[in-house]
Amino acid sequence: MGYLLKYTAIKNTWGQAVKAGETFIVDQGTNAASGASLASYLRKMGREIRTSSSIGGGALNVGETTSSNEWIIERIK
């Protein structure tokens, strides 16, 4: 069973590959924020990710929101 996390960029980030306010819903294998999962998702969308950062934080319950680095992260499933 996958976990759905919603990532919203707070500012332009990751080498300008992501603009402030953009939101992405990622189906991933962990219930914690994952920079690697997000980067993989963005590459599959055709984004050129030259630089990315680790997105820290622990496990999230459904409906829980946290912020880390340049992101707001919400677990939706």
C-alpha atoms as a PDB file:
ATOM      1  CA  MET A   1       0.000   0.000   0.000  1.00  0.00           C
ATOM      2  CA  GLY A   2       1.401   3.396  -1.004  1.00  0.00           C
ATOM      3  CA  TYR A   3       1.160   6.667   0.819  1.00  0.00           C
ATOM      4  CA  LEU A   4       0.051   9.874  -0.867  1.00  0.00           C
ATOM      5  CA  LEU A   5       1.834  13.021   0.191  1.00  0.00           C
ATOM      6  CA  LYS A   6       1.161  16.504  -1.139  1.00  0.00           C
ATOM      7  CA  TYR A   7       4.221  18.729  -1.520  1.00  0.00           C
ATOM      8  CA  THR A   8       3.734  22.479  -1.979  1.00  0.00           C
ATOM      9  CA  ALA A   9       6.741  24.672  -2.746  1.00  0.00           C
ATOM     10  CA  ILE A  10       7.032  27.720  -0.487  1.00  0.00           C
ATOM     11  CA  LYS A  11       9.485  29.443  -2.846  1.00  0.00           C
ATOM     12  CA  ASN A  12      11.299  28.832  -6.114  1.00  0.00           C
ATOM     13  CA  THR A  13      13.567  25.907  -5.392  1.00  0.00           C
ATOM     14  CA  TRP A  14      15.606  22.986  -6.667  1.00  0.00           C
ATOM     15  CA  GLY A  15      17.574  24.962  -9.225  1.00  0.00           C
ATOM     16  CA  GLN A  16      14.462  26.814 -10.412  1.00  0.00           C
ATOM     17  CA  ALA A  17      12.878  23.516 -11.557  1.00  0.00           C
ATOM     18  CA  VAL A  18      10.016  24.182  -9.124  1.00  0.00           C
ATOM     19  CA  LYS A  19       8.226  27.509  -8.770  1.00  0.00           C
ATOM     20  CA  ALA A  20       6.691  28.886  -5.595  1.00  0.00           C
ATOM     21  CA  GLY A  21       3.129  27.671  -5.095  1.00  0.00           C
ATOM     22  CA  GLU A  22       3.413  24.562  -7.246  1.00  0.00           C
ATOM     23  CA  THR A  23       1.848  21.461  -5.704  1.00  0.00           C
ATOM     24  CA  PHE A  24       2.643  17.816  -6.407  1.00  0.00           C
ATOM     25  CA  ILE A  25       0.924  14.678  -5.124  1.00  0.00           C
ATOM     26  CA  VAL A  26       3.389  11.811  -4.838  1.00  0.00           C
ATOM     27  CA  ASP A  27       2.548   8.130  -4.327  1.00  0.00           C
ATOM     28  CA  GLN A  28       5.474   6.852  -2.315  1.00  0.00           C
ATOM     29  CA  GLY A  29       6.532   3.935  -0.142  1.00  0.00           C
ATOM     30  CA  THR A  30       6.904   5.851   3.114  1.00  0.00           C
ATOM     31  CA  ASN A  31       4.619   8.029   5.215  1.00  0.00           C
ATOM     32  CA  ALA A  32       7.420  10.537   5.821  1.00  0.00           C
ATOM     33  CA  ALA A  33       8.482  13.321   3.473  1.00  0.00           C
ATOM     34  CA  SER A  34      11.030  12.079   0.937  1.00  0.00           C
ATOM     35  CA  GLY A  35      13.150  14.326  -1.252  1.00  0.00           C
ATOM     36  CA  ALA A  36      14.182  11.292  -3.303  1.00  0.00           C
ATOM     37  CA  SER A  37      10.548  10.321  -4.004  1.00  0.00           C
ATOM     38  CA  LEU A  38       9.670  13.883  -4.969  1.00  0.00           C
ATOM     39  CA  ALA A  39      12.721  14.229  -7.236  1.00  0.00           C
ATOM     40  CA  SER A  40      11.885  10.934  -8.961  1.00  0.00           C
ATOM     41  CA  TYR A  41       8.271  12.062  -9.483  1.00  0.00           C
ATOM     42  CA  LEU A  42       9.406  15.399 -10.947  1.00  0.00           C
ATOM     43  CA  ARG A  43      11.862  13.701 -13.314  1.00  0.00           C
ATOM     44  CA  LYS A  44       9.072  11.426 -14.571  1.00  0.00           C
ATOM     45  CA  MET A  45       7.089  14.610 -15.285  1.00  0.00           C
ATOM     46  CA  GLY A  46       9.978  15.811 -17.440  1.00  0.00           C
ATOM     47  CA  ARG A  47      11.454  18.315 -14.997  1.00  0.00           C
ATOM     48  CA  GLU A  48      15.218  18.662 -15.057  1.00  0.00           C
ATOM     49  CA  ILE A  49      16.286  18.408 -11.437  1.00  0.00           C
ATOM     50  CA  ARG A  50      19.922  19.477 -11.223  1.00  0.00           C
ATOM     51  CA  THR A  51      19.898  20.231  -7.534  1.00  0.00           C
ATOM     52  CA  SER A  52      17.621  19.022  -4.759  1.00  0.00           C
ATOM     53  CA  SER A  53      17.670  18.928  -1.003  1.00  0.00           C
ATOM     54  CA  SER A  54      16.807  16.433   1.630  1.00  0.00           C
ATOM     55  CA  ILE A  55      13.352  16.967   3.065  1.00  0.00           C
ATOM     56  CA  GLY A  56      13.509  16.107   6.721  1.00  0.00           C
ATOM     57  CA  GLY A  57      10.753  15.213   9.105  1.00  0.00           C
ATOM     58  CA  GLY A  58       9.191  12.163  10.579  1.00  0.00           C
ATOM     59  CA  ALA A  59       6.192  10.037   9.774  1.00  0.00           C
ATOM     60  CA  LEU A  60       2.883  11.796   9.110  1.00  0.00           C
ATOM     61  CA  ASN A  61      -0.619  10.604   9.885  1.00  0.00           C
ATOM     62  CA  VAL A  62      -3.435  11.151   7.371  1.00  0.00           C
ATOM     63  CA  GLY A  63      -4.398  14.834   7.396  1.00  0.00           C
ATOM     64  CA  GLU A  64      -1.258  15.904   9.231  1.00  0.00           C
ATOM     65  CA  THR A  65       0.786  18.757   7.767  1.00  0.00           C
ATOM     66  CA  THR A  66       4.365  19.837   8.371  1.00  0.00           C
ATOM     67  CA  SER A  67       6.829  22.196   6.775  1.00  0.00           C
ATOM     68  CA  SER A  68      10.458  21.524   6.011  1.00  0.00           C
ATOM     69  CA  ASN A  69      13.066  23.440   4.034  1.00  0.00           C
ATOM     70  CA  GLU A  70      11.167  25.031   1.128  1.00  0.00           C
ATOM     71  CA  TRP A  71       8.131  22.754   1.334  1.00  0.00           C
ATOM     72  CA  ILE A  72       4.773  22.294   3.033  1.00  0.00           C
ATOM     73  CA  ILE A  73       3.988  18.595   3.194  1.00  0.00           C
ATOM     74  CA  GLU A  74       0.587  17.011   3.877  1.00  0.00           C
ATOM     75  CA  ARG A  75      -0.235  13.319   4.032  1.00  0.00           C
ATOM     76  CA  ILE A  76      -3.506  12.743   2.210  1.00  0.00           C
ATOM     77  CA  LYS A  77      -3.615   8.907   2.206  1.00  0.00           C
END
